[in-house]
Amino acid sequence: ADIVRPKFELVLRELERELGGLGIARWGKPKGGYFICFEAQKG
């Protein structure tokens, strides 16, 4: 977790910084596992 956690936090931080508030996507914020699920605009 000490190795993986900073990577999840980096991705979530950058998604929010770059895409937050644009209304073009949403994404999960998992507490574990290996993936982040990203939902873009349809199509």
Full PDB file with SEQRES, HELIX, SHEET, SSBOND, CRYST1, ORIGX, SCALE, CONECT and MASTER records, all heavy atoms in Angstrom:
SEQRES   1 A   43  ALA ASP ILE VAL ARG PRO LYS PHE GLU LEU VAL LEU ARG          
SEQRES   2 A   43  GLU LEU GLU ARG GLU LEU GLY GLY LEU GLY ILE ALA ARG          
SEQRES   3 A   43  TRP GLY LYS PRO LYS GLY GLY TYR PHE ILE CYS PHE GLU          
SEQRES   4 A   43  ALA GLN LYS GLY                                              
HELIX    1 AA1 ARG A    5  LEU A   19  1                                  15    
SHEET    1 AA1 2 ALA A  25  TRP A  27  0                                        
SHEET    2 AA1 2 PHE A  38  ALA A  40 -1                                        
CRYST1    1.000    1.000    1.000  90.00  90.00  90.00 P 1           1          
ORIGX1      1.000000  0.000000  0.000000        0.00000                         
ORIGX2      0.000000  1.000000  0.000000        0.00000                         
ORIGX3      0.000000  0.000000  1.000000        0.00000                         
SCALE1      1.000000  0.000000  0.000000        0.00000                         
SCALE2      0.000000  1.000000  0.000000        0.00000                         
SCALE3      0.000000  0.000000  1.000000        0.00000                         
ATOM      1  N   ALA A   1       0.826  -1.213   0.000  1.00  0.00           N  
ATOM      2  CA  ALA A   1       0.000   0.000   0.000  1.00  0.00           C  
ATOM      3  C   ALA A   1       0.856   1.257   0.000  1.00  0.00           C  
ATOM      4  O   ALA A   1       0.517   2.253  -0.650  1.00  0.00           O  
ATOM      5  CB  ALA A   1      -0.936  -0.004   1.200  1.00  0.00           C  
ATOM      6  N   ASP A   2       1.980   1.209   0.695  1.00  0.00           N  
ATOM      7  CA  ASP A   2       2.865   2.379   0.736  1.00  0.00           C  
ATOM      8  C   ASP A   2       3.411   2.716  -0.654  1.00  0.00           C  
ATOM      9  O   ASP A   2       3.718   3.876  -0.949  1.00  0.00           O  
ATOM     10  CB  ASP A   2       4.038   2.121   1.690  1.00  0.00           C  
ATOM     11  CG  ASP A   2       3.612   2.160   3.152  1.00  0.00           C  
ATOM     12  OD1 ASP A   2       2.529   2.706   3.434  1.00  0.00           O  
ATOM     13  OD2 ASP A   2       4.357   1.623   3.999  1.00  0.00           O  
ATOM     14  N   ILE A   3       3.532   1.706  -1.504  1.00  0.00           N  
ATOM     15  CA  ILE A   3       4.013   1.914  -2.876  1.00  0.00           C  
ATOM     16  C   ILE A   3       2.876   2.325  -3.802  1.00  0.00           C  
ATOM     17  O   ILE A   3       3.017   3.227  -4.637  1.00  0.00           O  
ATOM     18  CB  ILE A   3       4.683   0.629  -3.408  1.00  0.00           C  
ATOM     19  CG1 ILE A   3       5.932   0.290  -2.569  1.00  0.00           C  
ATOM     20  CG2 ILE A   3       5.058   0.771  -4.885  1.00  0.00           C  
ATOM     21  CD1 ILE A   3       6.505  -1.080  -2.855  1.00  0.00           C  
ATOM     22  N   VAL A   4       1.735   1.684  -3.632  1.00  0.00           N  
ATOM     23  CA  VAL A   4       0.605   1.872  -4.551  1.00  0.00           C  
ATOM     24  C   VAL A   4      -0.202   3.130  -4.242  1.00  0.00           C  
ATOM     25  O   VAL A   4      -0.653   3.835  -5.150  1.00  0.00           O  
ATOM     26  CB  VAL A   4      -0.309   0.619  -4.513  1.00  0.00           C  
ATOM     27  CG1 VAL A   4      -1.605   0.873  -5.270  1.00  0.00           C  
ATOM     28  CG2 VAL A   4       0.416  -0.585  -5.088  1.00  0.00           C  
ATOM     29  N   ARG A   5      -0.382   3.430  -2.957  1.00  0.00           N  
ATOM     30  CA  ARG A   5      -1.250   4.539  -2.550  1.00  0.00           C  
ATOM     31  C   ARG A   5      -0.871   5.877  -3.192  1.00  0.00           C  
ATOM     32  O   ARG A   5      -1.758   6.594  -3.697  1.00  0.00           O  
ATOM     33  CB  ARG A   5      -1.238   4.658  -1.021  1.00  0.00           C  
ATOM     34  CG  ARG A   5      -2.186   5.712  -0.482  1.00  0.00           C  
ATOM     35  CD  ARG A   5      -2.274   5.639   1.041  1.00  0.00           C  
ATOM     36  NE  ARG A   5      -0.965   5.709   1.682  1.00  0.00           N  
ATOM     37  CZ  ARG A   5      -0.360   4.691   2.306  1.00  0.00           C  
ATOM     38  NH1 ARG A   5      -0.957   3.512   2.389  1.00  0.00           N  
ATOM     39  NH2 ARG A   5       0.823   4.847   2.864  1.00  0.00           N  
ATOM     40  N   PRO A   6       0.420   6.262  -3.226  1.00  0.00           N  
ATOM     41  CA  PRO A   6       0.760   7.541  -3.873  1.00  0.00           C  
ATOM     42  C   PRO A   6       0.368   7.598  -5.343  1.00  0.00           C  
ATOM     43  O   PRO A   6       0.085   8.676  -5.870  1.00  0.00           O  
ATOM     44  CB  PRO A   6       2.285   7.623  -3.702  1.00  0.00           C  
ATOM     45  CG  PRO A   6       2.594   6.750  -2.529  1.00  0.00           C  
ATOM     46  CD  PRO A   6       1.602   5.632  -2.603  1.00  0.00           C  
ATOM     47  N   LYS A   7       0.324   6.449  -5.996  1.00  0.00           N  
ATOM     48  CA  LYS A   7      -0.047   6.424  -7.411  1.00  0.00           C  
ATOM     49  C   LYS A   7      -1.536   6.693  -7.583  1.00  0.00           C  
ATOM     50  O   LYS A   7      -1.946   7.473  -8.459  1.00  0.00           O  
ATOM     51  CB  LYS A   7       0.344   5.079  -8.022  1.00  0.00           C  
ATOM     52  CG  LYS A   7       1.838   4.814  -7.988  1.00  0.00           C  
ATOM     53  CD  LYS A   7       2.186   3.504  -8.653  1.00  0.00           C  
ATOM     54  CE  LYS A   7       3.696   3.292  -8.649  1.00  0.00           C  
ATOM     55  NZ  LYS A   7       4.103   2.106  -9.399  1.00  0.00           N  
ATOM     56  N   PHE A   8      -2.353   6.062  -6.759  1.00  0.00           N  
ATOM     57  CA  PHE A   8      -3.784   6.337  -6.804  1.00  0.00           C  
ATOM     58  C   PHE A   8      -4.058   7.800  -6.478  1.00  0.00           C  
ATOM     59  O   PHE A   8      -4.862   8.458  -7.144  1.00  0.00           O  
ATOM     60  CB  PHE A   8      -4.531   5.427  -5.825  1.00  0.00           C  
ATOM     61  CG  PHE A   8      -4.876   4.082  -6.379  1.00  0.00           C  
ATOM     62  CD1 PHE A   8      -3.923   3.078  -6.463  1.00  0.00           C  
ATOM     63  CD2 PHE A   8      -6.155   3.811  -6.842  1.00  0.00           C  
ATOM     64  CE1 PHE A   8      -4.227   1.828  -6.975  1.00  0.00           C  
ATOM     65  CE2 PHE A   8      -6.482   2.570  -7.360  1.00  0.00           C  
ATOM     66  CZ  PHE A   8      -5.514   1.564  -7.424  1.00  0.00           C  
ATOM     67  N   GLU A   9      -3.376   8.292  -5.458  1.00  0.00           N  
ATOM     68  CA  GLU A   9      -3.597   9.684  -5.053  1.00  0.00           C  
ATOM     69  C   GLU A   9      -3.156  10.654  -6.141  1.00  0.00           C  
ATOM     70  O   GLU A   9      -3.816  11.681  -6.369  1.00  0.00           O  
ATOM     71  CB  GLU A   9      -2.861   9.951  -3.743  1.00  0.00           C  
ATOM     72  CG  GLU A   9      -3.488   9.210  -2.562  1.00  0.00           C  
ATOM     73  CD  GLU A   9      -2.721   9.396  -1.266  1.00  0.00           C  
ATOM     74  OE1 GLU A   9      -1.551   9.869  -1.323  1.00  0.00           O  
ATOM     75  OE2 GLU A   9      -3.267   9.059  -0.194  1.00  0.00           O  
ATOM     76  N   LEU A  10      -2.074  10.341  -6.829  1.00  0.00           N  
ATOM     77  CA  LEU A  10      -1.623  11.190  -7.933  1.00  0.00           C  
ATOM     78  C   LEU A  10      -2.676  11.236  -9.039  1.00  0.00           C  
ATOM     79  O   LEU A  10      -3.037  12.313  -9.536  1.00  0.00           O  
ATOM     80  CB  LEU A  10      -0.289  10.677  -8.483  1.00  0.00           C  
ATOM     81  CG  LEU A  10       0.375  11.490  -9.606  1.00  0.00           C  
ATOM     82  CD1 LEU A  10       1.889  11.302  -9.578  1.00  0.00           C  
ATOM     83  CD2 LEU A  10      -0.145  11.099 -10.996  1.00  0.00           C  
ATOM     84  N   VAL A  11      -3.151  10.072  -9.445  1.00  0.00           N  
ATOM     85  CA  VAL A  11      -4.142  10.021 -10.527  1.00  0.00           C  
ATOM     86  C   VAL A  11      -5.405  10.781 -10.136  1.00  0.00           C  
ATOM     87  O   VAL A  11      -5.918  11.598 -10.910  1.00  0.00           O  
ATOM     88  CB  VAL A  11      -4.483   8.559 -10.897  1.00  0.00           C  
ATOM     89  CG1 VAL A  11      -5.639   8.521 -11.900  1.00  0.00           C  
ATOM     90  CG2 VAL A  11      -3.263   7.855 -11.477  1.00  0.00           C  
ATOM     91  N   LEU A  12      -5.904  10.536  -8.940  1.00  0.00           N  
ATOM     92  CA  LEU A  12      -7.145  11.194  -8.507  1.00  0.00           C  
ATOM     93  C   LEU A  12      -6.958  12.699  -8.386  1.00  0.00           C  
ATOM     94  O   LEU A  12      -7.850  13.475  -8.747  1.00  0.00           O  
ATOM     95  CB  LEU A  12      -7.609  10.593  -7.178  1.00  0.00           C  
ATOM     96  CG  LEU A  12      -8.073   9.138  -7.240  1.00  0.00           C  
ATOM     97  CD1 LEU A  12      -8.325   8.593  -5.843  1.00  0.00           C  
ATOM     98  CD2 LEU A  12      -9.318   8.993  -8.102  1.00  0.00           C  
ATOM     99  N   ARG A  13      -5.793  13.108  -7.914  1.00  0.00           N  
ATOM    100  CA  ARG A  13      -5.512  14.542  -7.789  1.00  0.00           C  
ATOM    101  C   ARG A  13      -5.467  15.219  -9.155  1.00  0.00           C  
ATOM    102  O   ARG A  13      -6.037  16.302  -9.362  1.00  0.00           O  
ATOM    103  CB  ARG A  13      -4.178  14.723  -7.065  1.00  0.00           C  
ATOM    104  CG  ARG A  13      -3.822  16.171  -6.768  1.00  0.00           C  
ATOM    105  CD  ARG A  13      -2.630  16.254  -5.835  1.00  0.00           C  
ATOM    106  NE  ARG A  13      -1.433  15.626  -6.373  1.00  0.00           N  
ATOM    107  CZ  ARG A  13      -0.893  14.500  -5.886  1.00  0.00           C  
ATOM    108  NH1 ARG A  13      -1.448  13.877  -4.856  1.00  0.00           N  
ATOM    109  NH2 ARG A  13       0.205  14.003  -6.432  1.00  0.00           N  
ATOM    110  N   GLU A  14      -4.821  14.566 -10.125  1.00  0.00           N  
ATOM    111  CA  GLU A  14      -4.702  15.146 -11.464  1.00  0.00           C  
ATOM    112  C   GLU A  14      -6.028  15.120 -12.215  1.00  0.00           C  
ATOM    113  O   GLU A  14      -6.341  16.038 -12.973  1.00  0.00           O  
ATOM    114  CB  GLU A  14      -3.619  14.415 -12.262  1.00  0.00           C  
ATOM    115  CG  GLU A  14      -2.209  14.655 -11.745  1.00  0.00           C  
ATOM    116  CD  GLU A  14      -1.878  16.142 -11.704  1.00  0.00           C  
ATOM    117  OE1 GLU A  14      -1.974  16.800 -12.766  1.00  0.00           O  
ATOM    118  OE2 GLU A  14      -1.541  16.651 -10.615  1.00  0.00           O  
ATOM    119  N   LEU A  15      -6.810  14.077 -12.022  1.00  0.00           N  
ATOM    120  CA  LEU A  15      -8.139  14.044 -12.647  1.00  0.00           C  
ATOM    121  C   LEU A  15      -8.989  15.200 -12.154  1.00  0.00           C  
ATOM    122  O   LEU A  15      -9.659  15.878 -12.939  1.00  0.00           O  
ATOM    123  CB  LEU A  15      -8.835  12.713 -12.337  1.00  0.00           C  
ATOM    124  CG  LEU A  15      -8.281  11.454 -13.018  1.00  0.00           C  
ATOM    125  CD1 LEU A  15      -9.050  10.217 -12.547  1.00  0.00           C  
ATOM    126  CD2 LEU A  15      -8.342  11.554 -14.538  1.00  0.00           C  
ATOM    127  N   GLU A  16      -8.941  15.446 -10.852  1.00  0.00           N  
ATOM    128  CA  GLU A  16      -9.727  16.529 -10.286  1.00  0.00           C  
ATOM    129  C   GLU A  16      -9.205  17.891 -10.763  1.00  0.00           C  
ATOM    130  O   GLU A  16      -9.984  18.785 -11.101  1.00  0.00           O  
ATOM    131  CB  GLU A  16      -9.701  16.451  -8.758  1.00  0.00           C  
ATOM    132  CG  GLU A  16     -10.539  17.514  -8.067  1.00  0.00           C  
ATOM    133  CD  GLU A  16     -12.009  17.438  -8.432  1.00  0.00           C  
ATOM    134  OE1 GLU A  16     -12.531  16.318  -8.634  1.00  0.00           O  
ATOM    135  OE2 GLU A  16     -12.650  18.513  -8.540  1.00  0.00           O  
ATOM    136  N   ARG A  17      -7.879  18.025 -10.784  1.00  0.00           N  
ATOM    137  CA  ARG A  17      -7.289  19.311 -11.178  1.00  0.00           C  
ATOM    138  C   ARG A  17      -7.572  19.635 -12.643  1.00  0.00           C  
ATOM    139  O   ARG A  17      -7.874  20.774 -13.002  1.00  0.00           O  
ATOM    140  CB  ARG A  17      -5.782  19.279 -10.941  1.00  0.00           C  
ATOM    141  CG  ARG A  17      -5.086  20.627 -11.164  1.00  0.00           C  
ATOM    142  CD  ARG A  17      -3.650  20.569 -10.671  1.00  0.00           C  
ATOM    143  NE  ARG A  17      -2.816  19.760 -11.536  1.00  0.00           N  
ATOM    144  CZ  ARG A  17      -2.164  20.229 -12.605  1.00  0.00           C  
ATOM    145  NH1 ARG A  17      -2.274  21.510 -12.943  1.00  0.00           N  
ATOM    146  NH2 ARG A  17      -1.413  19.437 -13.332  1.00  0.00           N  
ATOM    147  N   GLU A  18      -7.483  18.645 -13.507  1.00  0.00           N  
ATOM    148  CA  GLU A  18      -7.620  18.886 -14.939  1.00  0.00           C  
ATOM    149  C   GLU A  18      -9.054  18.780 -15.448  1.00  0.00           C  
ATOM    150  O   GLU A  18      -9.424  19.465 -16.401  1.00  0.00           O  
ATOM    151  CB  GLU A  18      -6.739  17.901 -15.712  1.00  0.00           C  
ATOM    152  CG  GLU A  18      -5.242  18.086 -15.494  1.00  0.00           C  
ATOM    153  CD  GLU A  18      -4.737  19.398 -16.076  1.00  0.00           C  
ATOM    154  OE1 GLU A  18      -5.356  19.896 -17.047  1.00  0.00           O  
ATOM    155  OE2 GLU A  18      -3.744  19.938 -15.566  1.00  0.00           O  
ATOM    156  N   LEU A  19      -9.855  17.929 -14.813  1.00  0.00           N  
ATOM    157  CA  LEU A  19     -11.190  17.655 -15.356  1.00  0.00           C  
ATOM    158  C   LEU A  19     -12.324  18.032 -14.415  1.00  0.00           C  
ATOM    159  O   LEU A  19     -13.485  18.096 -14.836  1.00  0.00           O  
ATOM    160  CB  LEU A  19     -11.310  16.162 -15.704  1.00  0.00           C  
ATOM    161  CG  LEU A  19     -10.268  15.608 -16.676  1.00  0.00           C  
ATOM    162  CD1 LEU A  19     -10.468  14.102 -16.856  1.00  0.00           C  
ATOM    163  CD2 LEU A  19     -10.337  16.318 -18.024  1.00  0.00           C  
ATOM    164  N   GLY A  20     -12.009  18.268 -13.157  1.00  0.00           N  
ATOM    165  CA  GLY A  20     -13.054  18.608 -12.201  1.00  0.00           C  
ATOM    166  C   GLY A  20     -13.795  19.873 -12.600  1.00  0.00           C  
ATOM    167  O   GLY A  20     -13.196  20.879 -12.964  1.00  0.00           O  
ATOM    168  N   GLY A  21     -15.111  19.810 -12.556  1.00  0.00           N  
ATOM    169  CA  GLY A  21     -15.926  20.981 -12.879  1.00  0.00           C  
ATOM    170  C   GLY A  21     -16.225  21.177 -14.345  1.00  0.00           C  
ATOM    171  O   GLY A  21     -17.006  22.062 -14.712  1.00  0.00           O  
ATOM    172  N   LEU A  22     -15.632  20.353 -15.224  1.00  0.00           N  
ATOM    173  CA  LEU A  22     -15.881  20.507 -16.663  1.00  0.00           C  
ATOM    174  C   LEU A  22     -17.188  19.839 -17.101  1.00  0.00           C  
ATOM    175  O   LEU A  22     -17.702  20.138 -18.181  1.00  0.00           O  
ATOM    176  CB  LEU A  22     -14.719  19.927 -17.472  1.00  0.00           C  
ATOM    177  CG  LEU A  22     -13.373  20.652 -17.379  1.00  0.00           C  
ATOM    178  CD1 LEU A  22     -12.335  19.955 -18.257  1.00  0.00           C  
ATOM    179  CD2 LEU A  22     -13.520  22.117 -17.799  1.00  0.00           C  
ATOM    180  N   GLY A  23     -17.655  18.897 -16.290  1.00  0.00           N  
ATOM    181  CA  GLY A  23     -18.902  18.226 -16.645  1.00  0.00           C  
ATOM    182  C   GLY A  23     -18.757  17.244 -17.789  1.00  0.00           C  
ATOM    183  O   GLY A  23     -19.739  16.936 -18.472  1.00  0.00           O  
ATOM    184  N   ILE A  24     -17.543  16.741 -18.018  1.00  0.00           N  
ATOM    185  CA  ILE A  24     -17.326  15.833 -19.154  1.00  0.00           C  
ATOM    186  C   ILE A  24     -16.954  14.418 -18.708  1.00  0.00           C  
ATOM    187  O   ILE A  24     -16.757  13.533 -19.554  1.00  0.00           O  
ATOM    188  CB  ILE A  24     -16.222  16.365 -20.099  1.00  0.00           C  
ATOM    189  CG1 ILE A  24     -14.905  16.554 -19.356  1.00  0.00           C  
ATOM    190  CG2 ILE A  24     -16.671  17.670 -20.742  1.00  0.00           C  
ATOM    191  CD1 ILE A  24     -13.742  16.961 -20.268  1.00  0.00           C  
ATOM    192  N   ALA A  25     -16.865  14.185 -17.409  1.00  0.00           N  
ATOM    193  CA  ALA A  25     -16.480  12.857 -16.937  1.00  0.00           C  
ATOM    194  C   ALA A  25     -16.728  12.745 -15.446  1.00  0.00           C  
ATOM    195  O   ALA A  25     -16.893  13.742 -14.736  1.00  0.00           O  
ATOM    196  CB  ALA A  25     -15.000  12.596 -17.226  1.00  0.00           C  
ATOM    197  N   ARG A  26     -16.746  11.503 -14.972  1.00  0.00           N  
ATOM    198  CA  ARG A  26     -16.741  11.229 -13.536  1.00  0.00           C  
ATOM    199  C   ARG A  26     -15.924   9.963 -13.309  1.00  0.00           C  
ATOM    200  O   ARG A  26     -15.699   9.181 -14.230  1.00  0.00           O  
ATOM    201  CB  ARG A  26     -18.154  11.086 -12.986  1.00  0.00           C  
ATOM    202  CG  ARG A  26     -18.996  10.000 -13.640  1.00  0.00           C  
ATOM    203  CD  ARG A  26     -20.391   9.980 -13.044  1.00  0.00           C  
ATOM    204  NE  ARG A  26     -21.223   8.943 -13.641  1.00  0.00           N  
ATOM    205  CZ  ARG A  26     -22.451   8.658 -13.236  1.00  0.00           C  
ATOM    206  NH1 ARG A  26     -22.981   9.329 -12.227  1.00  0.00           N  
ATOM    207  NH2 ARG A  26     -23.143   7.710 -13.834  1.00  0.00           N  
ATOM    208  N   TRP A  27     -15.477   9.775 -12.074  1.00  0.00           N  
ATOM    209  CA  TRP A  27     -14.589   8.653 -11.799  1.00  0.00           C  
ATOM    210  C   TRP A  27     -14.745   8.211 -10.350  1.00  0.00           C  
ATOM    211  O   TRP A  27     -15.180   8.971  -9.484  1.00  0.00           O  
ATOM    212  CB  TRP A  27     -13.138   9.025 -12.090  1.00  0.00           C  
ATOM    213  CG  TRP A  27     -12.707  10.314 -11.431  1.00  0.00           C  
ATOM    214  CD1 TRP A  27     -12.165  10.485 -10.188  1.00  0.00           C  
ATOM    215  CD2 TRP A  27     -12.827  11.628 -11.996  1.00  0.00           C  
ATOM    216  NE1 TRP A  27     -11.931  11.812  -9.946  1.00  0.00           N  
ATOM    217  CE2 TRP A  27     -12.324  12.543 -11.039  1.00  0.00           C  
ATOM    218  CE3 TRP A  27     -13.303  12.134 -13.218  1.00  0.00           C  
ATOM    219  CZ2 TRP A  27     -12.289  13.921 -11.263  1.00  0.00           C  
ATOM    220  CZ3 TRP A  27     -13.279  13.504 -13.439  1.00  0.00           C  
ATOM    221  CH2 TRP A  27     -12.769  14.383 -12.474  1.00  0.00           C  
ATOM    222  N   GLY A  28     -14.376   6.957 -10.106  1.00  0.00           N  
ATOM    223  CA  GLY A  28     -14.455   6.409  -8.767  1.00  0.00           C  
ATOM    224  C   GLY A  28     -13.257   6.805  -7.921  1.00  0.00           C  
ATOM    225  O   GLY A  28     -12.215   7.215  -8.437  1.00  0.00           O  
ATOM    226  N   LYS A  29     -13.424   6.674  -6.609  1.00  0.00           N  
ATOM    227  CA  LYS A  29     -12.346   6.956  -5.656  1.00  0.00           C  
ATOM    228  C   LYS A  29     -12.224   5.760  -4.717  1.00  0.00           C  
ATOM    229  O   LYS A  29     -12.656   5.797  -3.564  1.00  0.00           O  
ATOM    230  CB  LYS A  29     -12.639   8.244  -4.883  1.00  0.00           C  
ATOM    231  CG  LYS A  29     -12.715   9.474  -5.791  1.00  0.00           C  
ATOM    232  CD  LYS A  29     -13.096  10.736  -5.018  1.00  0.00           C  
ATOM    233  CE  LYS A  29     -13.197  11.927  -5.961  1.00  0.00           C  
ATOM    234  NZ  LYS A  29     -13.615  13.176  -5.250  1.00  0.00           N  
ATOM    235  N   PRO A  30     -11.616   4.679  -5.211  1.00  0.00           N  
ATOM    236  CA  PRO A  30     -11.588   3.425  -4.446  1.00  0.00           C  
ATOM    237  C   PRO A  30     -10.692   3.494  -3.213  1.00  0.00           C  
ATOM    238  O   PRO A  30      -9.738   4.267  -3.159  1.00  0.00           O  
ATOM    239  CB  PRO A  30     -11.031   2.423  -5.465  1.00  0.00           C  
ATOM    240  CG  PRO A  30     -10.192   3.250  -6.384  1.00  0.00           C  
ATOM    241  CD  PRO A  30     -10.918   4.571  -6.501  1.00  0.00           C  
ATOM    242  N   LYS A  31     -11.018   2.649  -2.242  1.00  0.00           N  
ATOM    243  CA  LYS A  31     -10.211   2.535  -1.028  1.00  0.00           C  
ATOM    244  C   LYS A  31      -9.259   1.351  -1.095  1.00  0.00           C  
ATOM    245  O   LYS A  31      -8.533   1.070  -0.134  1.00  0.00           O  
ATOM    246  CB  LYS A  31     -11.129   2.391   0.191  1.00  0.00           C  
ATOM    247  CG  LYS A  31     -12.039   3.584   0.422  1.00  0.00           C  
ATOM    248  CD  LYS A  31     -12.981   3.321   1.585  1.00  0.00           C  
ATOM    249  CE  LYS A  31     -13.977   4.461   1.768  1.00  0.00           C  
ATOM    250  NZ  LYS A  31     -14.964   4.163   2.841  1.00  0.00           N  
ATOM    251  N   GLY A  32      -9.273   0.649  -2.218  1.00  0.00           N  
ATOM    252  CA  GLY A  32      -8.398  -0.505  -2.371  1.00  0.00           C  
ATOM    253  C   GLY A  32      -8.484  -1.055  -3.779  1.00  0.00           C  
ATOM    254  O   GLY A  32      -9.124  -0.482  -4.655  1.00  0.00           O  
ATOM    255  N   GLY A  33      -7.830  -2.180  -3.996  1.00  0.00           N  
ATOM    256  CA  GLY A  33      -7.838  -2.799  -5.312  1.00  0.00           C  
ATOM    257  C   GLY A  33      -6.747  -2.265  -6.220  1.00  0.00           C  
ATOM    258  O   GLY A  33      -5.756  -1.700  -5.750  1.00  0.00           O  
ATOM    259  N   TYR A  34      -6.968  -2.399  -7.532  1.00  0.00           N  
ATOM    260  CA  TYR A  34      -5.925  -2.072  -8.499  1.00  0.00           C  
ATOM    261  C   TYR A  34      -6.358  -1.103  -9.585  1.00  0.00           C  
ATOM    262  O   TYR A  34      -5.570  -0.802 -10.480  1.00  0.00           O  
ATOM    263  CB  TYR A  34      -5.418  -3.370  -9.146  1.00  0.00           C  
ATOM    264  CG  TYR A  34      -4.091  -3.821  -8.584  1.00  0.00           C  
ATOM    265  CD1 TYR A  34      -3.938  -4.098  -7.234  1.00  0.00           C  
ATOM    266  CD2 TYR A  34      -2.979  -3.954  -9.397  1.00  0.00           C  
ATOM    267  CE1 TYR A  34      -2.719  -4.502  -6.720  1.00  0.00           C  
ATOM    268  CE2 TYR A  34      -1.755  -4.357  -8.899  1.00  0.00           C  
ATOM    269  CZ  TYR A  34      -1.633  -4.634  -7.550  1.00  0.00           C  
ATOM    270  OH  TYR A  34      -0.426  -5.025  -7.042  1.00  0.00           O  
ATOM    271  N   PHE A  35      -7.607  -0.604  -9.516  1.00  0.00           N  
ATOM    272  CA  PHE A  35      -8.110   0.164 -10.651  1.00  0.00           C  
ATOM    273  C   PHE A  35      -8.915   1.396 -10.220  1.00  0.00           C  
ATOM    274  O   PHE A  35      -9.452   1.454  -9.115  1.00  0.00           O  
ATOM    275  CB  PHE A  35      -8.997  -0.713 -11.538  1.00  0.00           C  
ATOM    276  CG  PHE A  35      -8.318  -1.968 -11.997  1.00  0.00           C  
ATOM    277  CD1 PHE A  35      -8.563  -3.173 -11.357  1.00  0.00           C  
ATOM    278  CD2 PHE A  35      -7.406  -1.935 -13.040  1.00  0.00           C  
ATOM    279  CE1 PHE A  35      -7.922  -4.332 -11.761  1.00  0.00           C  
ATOM    280  CE2 PHE A  35      -6.757  -3.083 -13.444  1.00  0.00           C  
ATOM    281  CZ  PHE A  35      -7.015  -4.284 -12.814  1.00  0.00           C  
ATOM    282  N   ILE A  36      -8.975   2.338 -11.148  1.00  0.00           N  
ATOM    283  CA  ILE A  36      -9.875   3.485 -11.046  1.00  0.00           C  
ATOM    284  C   ILE A  36     -10.790   3.421 -12.262  1.00  0.00           C  
ATOM    285  O   ILE A  36     -10.319   3.324 -13.398  1.00  0.00           O  
ATOM    286  CB  ILE A  36      -9.104   4.814 -11.023  1.00  0.00           C  
ATOM    287  CG1 ILE A  36      -8.244   4.911  -9.754  1.00  0.00           C  
ATOM    288  CG2 ILE A  36     -10.061   6.004 -11.107  1.00  0.00           C  
ATOM    289  CD1 ILE A  36      -7.264   6.058  -9.765  1.00  0.00           C  
ATOM    290  N   CYS A  37     -12.084   3.456 -12.016  1.00  0.00           N  
ATOM    291  CA  CYS A  37     -13.055   3.380 -13.116  1.00  0.00           C  
ATOM    292  C   CYS A  37     -13.418   4.799 -13.551  1.00  0.00           C  
ATOM    293  O   CYS A  37     -13.876   5.610 -12.743  1.00  0.00           O  
ATOM    294  CB  CYS A  37     -14.293   2.621 -12.663  1.00  0.00           C  
ATOM    295  SG  CYS A  37     -15.423   2.226 -14.012  1.00  0.00           S  
ATOM    296  N   PHE A  38     -13.213   5.066 -14.819  1.00  0.00           N  
ATOM    297  CA  PHE A  38     -13.434   6.407 -15.378  1.00  0.00           C  
ATOM    298  C   PHE A  38     -14.586   6.341 -16.368  1.00  0.00           C  
ATOM    299  O   PHE A  38     -14.600   5.499 -17.271  1.00  0.00           O  
ATOM    300  CB  PHE A  38     -12.158   6.874 -16.086  1.00  0.00           C  
ATOM    301  CG  PHE A  38     -12.210   8.283 -16.607  1.00  0.00           C  
ATOM    302  CD1 PHE A  38     -11.782   9.343 -15.818  1.00  0.00           C  
ATOM    303  CD2 PHE A  38     -12.669   8.555 -17.890  1.00  0.00           C  
ATOM    304  CE1 PHE A  38     -11.808  10.644 -16.303  1.00  0.00           C  
ATOM    305  CE2 PHE A  38     -12.706   9.848 -18.380  1.00  0.00           C  
ATOM    306  CZ  PHE A  38     -12.272  10.898 -17.582  1.00  0.00           C  
ATOM    307  N   GLU A  39     -15.562   7.225 -16.203  1.00  0.00           N  
ATOM    308  CA  GLU A  39     -16.706   7.278 -17.107  1.00  0.00           C  
ATOM    309  C   GLU A  39     -16.669   8.577 -17.905  1.00  0.00           C  
ATOM    310  O   GLU A  39     -16.875   9.659 -17.370  1.00  0.00           O  
ATOM    311  CB  GLU A  39     -18.021   7.174 -16.341  1.00  0.00           C  
ATOM    312  CG  GLU A  39     -19.238   7.114 -17.260  1.00  0.00           C  
ATOM    313  CD  GLU A  39     -20.535   6.940 -16.504  1.00  0.00           C  
ATOM    314  OE1 GLU A  39     -20.496   6.824 -15.259  1.00  0.00           O  
ATOM    315  OE2 GLU A  39     -21.600   6.936 -17.164  1.00  0.00           O  
ATOM    316  N   ALA A  40     -16.376   8.449 -19.184  1.00  0.00           N  
ATOM    317  CA  ALA A  40     -16.316   9.595 -20.088  1.00  0.00           C  
ATOM    318  C   ALA A  40     -17.697   9.870 -20.675  1.00  0.00           C  
ATOM    319  O   ALA A  40     -18.679   9.184 -20.356  1.00  0.00           O  
ATOM    320  CB  ALA A  40     -15.316   9.316 -21.200  1.00  0.00           C  
ATOM    321  N   GLN A  41     -17.786  10.870 -21.533  1.00  0.00           N  
ATOM    322  CA  GLN A  41     -19.040  11.135 -22.229  1.00  0.00           C  
ATOM    323  C   GLN A  41     -19.399   9.939 -23.105  1.00  0.00           C  
ATOM    324  O   GLN A  41     -18.524   9.240 -23.626  1.00  0.00           O  
ATOM    325  CB  GLN A  41     -18.909  12.388 -23.089  1.00  0.00           C  
ATOM    326  CG  GLN A  41     -18.762  13.679 -22.290  1.00  0.00           C  
ATOM    327  CD  GLN A  41     -18.566  14.876 -23.200  1.00  0.00           C  
ATOM    328  OE1 GLN A  41     -17.709  14.876 -24.067  1.00  0.00           O  
ATOM    329  NE2 GLN A  41     -19.365  15.923 -23.000  1.00  0.00           N  
ATOM    330  N   LYS A  42     -20.678   9.703 -23.270  1.00  0.00           N  
ATOM    331  CA  LYS A  42     -21.118   8.586 -24.111  1.00  0.00           C  
ATOM    332  C   LYS A  42     -20.535   8.717 -25.512  1.00  0.00           C  
ATOM    333  O   LYS A  42     -20.503   9.801 -26.091  1.00  0.00           O  
ATOM    334  CB  LYS A  42     -22.648   8.559 -24.180  1.00  0.00           C  
ATOM    335  CG  LYS A  42     -23.310   8.209 -22.857  1.00  0.00           C  
ATOM    336  CD  LYS A  42     -24.825   8.214 -22.977  1.00  0.00           C  
ATOM    337  CE  LYS A  42     -25.475   7.888 -21.641  1.00  0.00           C  
ATOM    338  NZ  LYS A  42     -26.960   7.895 -21.729  1.00  0.00           N  
ATOM    339  N   GLY A  43     -20.074   7.592 -26.023  1.00  0.00           N  
ATOM    340  CA  GLY A  43     -19.518   7.573 -27.367  1.00  0.00           C  
ATOM    341  C   GLY A  43     -18.094   8.086 -27.459  1.00  0.00           C  
ATOM    342  O   GLY A  43     -17.597   8.325 -28.564  1.00  0.00           O  
TER     343      GLY A  43                                                      
MASTER        0    0    0    1    2    0    0    6  342    1    0    4          
END                                                                             
